[in-house]
N, C-alpha and C. Protein backbone atom coordinates (compact mmCIF):
# COMPACT_ATOMS: atom_id res chain seq x y z
N MET A 1 152.21 93.94 95.30
CA MET A 1 150.92 94.52 95.01
C MET A 1 151.07 96.04 95.03
N SER A 2 150.60 96.69 93.98
CA SER A 2 150.71 98.14 93.91
C SER A 2 149.49 98.82 94.54
N LYS A 3 149.57 100.14 94.63
CA LYS A 3 148.47 100.89 95.24
C LYS A 3 147.18 100.80 94.45
N THR A 4 147.27 100.60 93.14
CA THR A 4 146.07 100.55 92.31
C THR A 4 145.37 99.20 92.38
N ASP A 5 146.07 98.17 92.81
CA ASP A 5 145.45 96.85 92.93
C ASP A 5 144.59 96.81 94.18
N LYS A 6 143.35 96.37 94.01
CA LYS A 6 142.44 96.26 95.14
C LYS A 6 142.03 94.80 95.31
N LYS A 7 141.90 94.42 96.54
CA LYS A 7 141.37 93.09 96.80
C LYS A 7 139.86 93.20 96.80
N ILE A 8 139.23 92.37 96.02
CA ILE A 8 137.78 92.37 95.95
C ILE A 8 137.28 91.14 96.71
N LYS A 9 136.44 91.40 97.67
CA LYS A 9 135.88 90.31 98.47
C LYS A 9 134.49 89.99 97.95
N TYR A 10 134.27 88.73 97.61
CA TYR A 10 132.97 88.30 97.11
C TYR A 10 131.95 88.34 98.24
N LYS A 11 130.84 89.02 98.03
CA LYS A 11 129.84 89.19 99.07
C LYS A 11 128.59 88.34 98.86
N GLY A 12 128.59 87.51 97.84
CA GLY A 12 127.42 86.68 97.57
C GLY A 12 127.37 85.44 98.44
N LYS A 13 126.22 84.82 98.47
CA LYS A 13 126.04 83.58 99.22
C LYS A 13 126.22 82.40 98.28
N PRO A 14 126.61 81.24 98.79
CA PRO A 14 126.73 80.07 97.93
C PRO A 14 125.35 79.55 97.53
N SER A 15 125.27 78.92 96.37
CA SER A 15 124.03 78.30 95.94
C SER A 15 123.77 77.05 96.76
N GLU A 16 122.50 76.72 96.89
CA GLU A 16 122.10 75.56 97.68
C GLU A 16 121.51 74.50 96.75
N ILE A 17 122.11 73.31 96.74
CA ILE A 17 121.61 72.22 95.91
C ILE A 17 120.42 71.58 96.63
N LEU A 18 119.29 71.52 95.94
CA LEU A 18 118.07 70.97 96.50
C LEU A 18 117.83 69.55 96.01
N GLU A 19 116.85 68.89 96.58
CA GLU A 19 116.51 67.53 96.17
C GLU A 19 116.06 67.54 94.71
N PRO A 20 116.54 66.59 93.90
CA PRO A 20 116.10 66.53 92.51
C PRO A 20 114.64 66.10 92.40
N ILE A 21 114.02 66.47 91.29
CA ILE A 21 112.64 66.12 91.02
C ILE A 21 112.63 65.02 89.97
N GLU A 22 111.86 63.96 90.22
CA GLU A 22 111.72 62.91 89.22
C GLU A 22 110.44 63.16 88.44
N PHE A 23 110.57 63.20 87.11
CA PHE A 23 109.42 63.44 86.24
C PHE A 23 109.52 62.50 85.04
N GLU A 24 108.52 61.66 84.87
CA GLU A 24 108.47 60.72 83.74
C GLU A 24 109.74 59.86 83.66
N GLY A 25 110.27 59.49 84.80
CA GLY A 25 111.46 58.65 84.83
C GLY A 25 112.77 59.40 84.65
N CYS A 26 112.72 60.71 84.50
CA CYS A 26 113.93 61.52 84.34
C CYS A 26 114.12 62.38 85.59
N ILE A 27 115.37 62.68 85.87
CA ILE A 27 115.69 63.47 87.06
C ILE A 27 115.98 64.91 86.64
N ILE A 28 115.23 65.84 87.23
CA ILE A 28 115.46 67.26 87.00
C ILE A 28 116.20 67.79 88.23
N LYS A 29 117.45 68.17 88.03
CA LYS A 29 118.22 68.73 89.14
C LYS A 29 117.75 70.15 89.41
N ASN A 30 117.76 70.55 90.67
CA ASN A 30 117.38 71.93 90.96
C ASN A 30 118.25 72.49 92.07
N LEU A 31 118.40 73.80 92.04
CA LEU A 31 119.17 74.49 93.07
C LEU A 31 118.60 75.86 93.32
N LYS A 32 118.91 76.38 94.47
CA LYS A 32 118.50 77.73 94.85
C LYS A 32 119.72 78.63 94.69
N HIS A 33 119.61 79.61 93.80
CA HIS A 33 120.72 80.51 93.51
C HIS A 33 121.05 81.33 94.75
N GLY A 34 122.33 81.45 95.05
CA GLY A 34 122.76 82.12 96.27
C GLY A 34 122.47 83.60 96.32
N ASN A 35 122.62 84.30 95.20
CA ASN A 35 122.44 85.76 95.21
C ASN A 35 121.00 86.19 94.97
N THR A 36 120.29 85.47 94.10
CA THR A 36 118.95 85.91 93.71
C THR A 36 117.84 85.11 94.39
N ASP A 37 118.18 84.02 95.04
CA ASP A 37 117.21 83.11 95.68
C ASP A 37 116.21 82.52 94.69
N GLN A 38 116.53 82.52 93.40
CA GLN A 38 115.66 81.89 92.40
C GLN A 38 115.89 80.39 92.39
N LEU A 39 114.84 79.64 92.09
CA LEU A 39 114.97 78.20 91.90
C LEU A 39 115.30 77.95 90.44
N LEU A 40 116.36 77.20 90.21
CA LEU A 40 116.79 76.87 88.85
C LEU A 40 116.66 75.37 88.63
N TYR A 41 116.20 74.99 87.43
CA TYR A 41 115.99 73.60 87.08
C TYR A 41 116.86 73.25 85.88
N ARG A 42 117.54 72.10 85.95
CA ARG A 42 118.41 71.64 84.86
C ARG A 42 117.66 70.59 84.06
N TYR A 43 117.63 70.75 82.75
CA TYR A 43 116.88 69.86 81.89
C TYR A 43 117.54 69.80 80.51
N PRO A 44 117.16 68.82 79.66
CA PRO A 44 117.72 68.77 78.30
C PRO A 44 117.03 69.80 77.40
N ARG A 45 117.81 70.64 76.78
CA ARG A 45 117.27 71.67 75.90
C ARG A 45 116.55 71.03 74.72
N ARG A 46 115.43 71.59 74.34
CA ARG A 46 114.58 71.00 73.31
C ARG A 46 115.28 70.95 71.94
N GLU A 47 116.07 71.94 71.62
CA GLU A 47 116.68 72.02 70.28
C GLU A 47 117.72 70.93 70.04
N ASP A 48 118.60 70.69 71.01
CA ASP A 48 119.69 69.76 70.76
C ASP A 48 119.97 68.79 71.91
N GLY A 49 119.20 68.86 72.98
CA GLY A 49 119.38 67.92 74.08
C GLY A 49 120.49 68.27 75.05
N GLU A 50 121.16 69.40 74.82
CA GLU A 50 122.23 69.81 75.73
C GLU A 50 121.63 70.28 77.05
N PRO A 51 122.32 70.03 78.16
CA PRO A 51 121.79 70.48 79.45
C PRO A 51 121.77 72.00 79.56
N CYS A 52 120.69 72.53 80.13
CA CYS A 52 120.60 73.96 80.37
C CYS A 52 119.74 74.20 81.60
N TRP A 53 119.72 75.43 82.07
CA TRP A 53 119.01 75.79 83.30
C TRP A 53 117.88 76.75 82.99
N THR A 54 116.78 76.64 83.73
CA THR A 54 115.65 77.55 83.59
C THR A 54 115.02 77.79 84.95
N THR A 55 114.22 78.84 85.05
CA THR A 55 113.47 79.10 86.27
C THR A 55 112.05 78.56 86.17
N ASP A 56 111.67 78.03 85.01
CA ASP A 56 110.31 77.58 84.75
C ASP A 56 110.25 76.05 84.73
N ILE A 57 109.65 75.46 85.76
CA ILE A 57 109.56 74.00 85.85
C ILE A 57 108.71 73.43 84.72
N ASP A 58 107.69 74.16 84.28
CA ASP A 58 106.84 73.66 83.19
C ASP A 58 107.61 73.55 81.88
N LYS A 59 108.53 74.47 81.64
CA LYS A 59 109.36 74.41 80.44
C LYS A 59 110.27 73.17 80.49
N ALA A 60 110.80 72.88 81.65
CA ALA A 60 111.64 71.70 81.81
C ALA A 60 110.84 70.42 81.57
N LYS A 61 109.64 70.37 82.12
CA LYS A 61 108.79 69.18 81.95
C LYS A 61 108.36 69.00 80.50
N SER A 62 108.01 70.08 79.82
CA SER A 62 107.58 69.95 78.42
C SER A 62 108.74 69.51 77.53
N SER A 63 109.94 69.96 77.85
CA SER A 63 111.11 69.53 77.08
C SER A 63 111.38 68.05 77.27
N ILE A 64 111.21 67.56 78.49
CA ILE A 64 111.40 66.13 78.75
C ILE A 64 110.36 65.32 78.00
N LEU A 65 109.11 65.77 78.00
CA LEU A 65 108.07 65.07 77.25
C LEU A 65 108.37 65.05 75.75
N TYR A 66 108.91 66.16 75.24
CA TYR A 66 109.30 66.22 73.83
C TYR A 66 110.37 65.19 73.51
N TRP A 67 111.41 65.14 74.34
CA TRP A 67 112.49 64.18 74.10
C TRP A 67 112.03 62.75 74.30
N LYS A 68 111.07 62.55 75.17
CA LYS A 68 110.55 61.21 75.38
C LYS A 68 109.81 60.72 74.14
N ARG A 69 109.12 61.64 73.46
CA ARG A 69 108.40 61.27 72.24
C ARG A 69 109.34 61.08 71.05
N THR A 70 110.40 61.88 70.95
CA THR A 70 111.24 61.88 69.75
C THR A 70 112.51 61.06 69.88
N ARG A 71 113.31 61.37 70.88
CA ARG A 71 114.62 60.69 70.98
C ARG A 71 114.87 60.26 72.40
N ARG A 72 114.65 59.03 72.66
CA ARG A 72 114.80 58.47 74.00
C ARG A 72 116.27 58.45 74.44
N SER A 73 117.22 58.38 73.51
CA SER A 73 118.64 58.24 73.87
C SER A 73 119.17 59.43 74.65
N ILE A 74 118.66 60.63 74.39
CA ILE A 74 119.10 61.83 75.11
C ILE A 74 118.74 61.71 76.58
N LEU A 75 117.58 61.16 76.87
CA LEU A 75 117.10 61.09 78.25
C LEU A 75 117.87 60.08 79.08
N ASP A 76 118.61 59.19 78.45
CA ASP A 76 119.42 58.24 79.22
C ASP A 76 120.45 58.96 80.07
N LEU A 77 120.86 60.15 79.69
CA LEU A 77 121.82 60.93 80.46
C LEU A 77 121.20 61.50 81.74
N TYR A 78 119.88 61.58 81.79
CA TYR A 78 119.18 62.19 82.92
C TYR A 78 118.50 61.19 83.83
N THR A 79 118.73 59.91 83.61
CA THR A 79 118.10 58.90 84.48
C THR A 79 119.09 58.32 85.45
């Protein structure tokens, strides 16, 4: 190790996995972010059904309702 190399110590806290929320038969995973203390919710994205995270629980719920009306097969991954 040379003089210019520095060891960087991570000072953040680990994220905390919280109890999942069941909505309309689907499970919304949630966690508390370690550094920002924000609550994050995992849900199927409205455009293509891929999993994504948001801080807005209402957005997650509306996306699940959308997929429930249009394509039930995507929601099988979240049950």
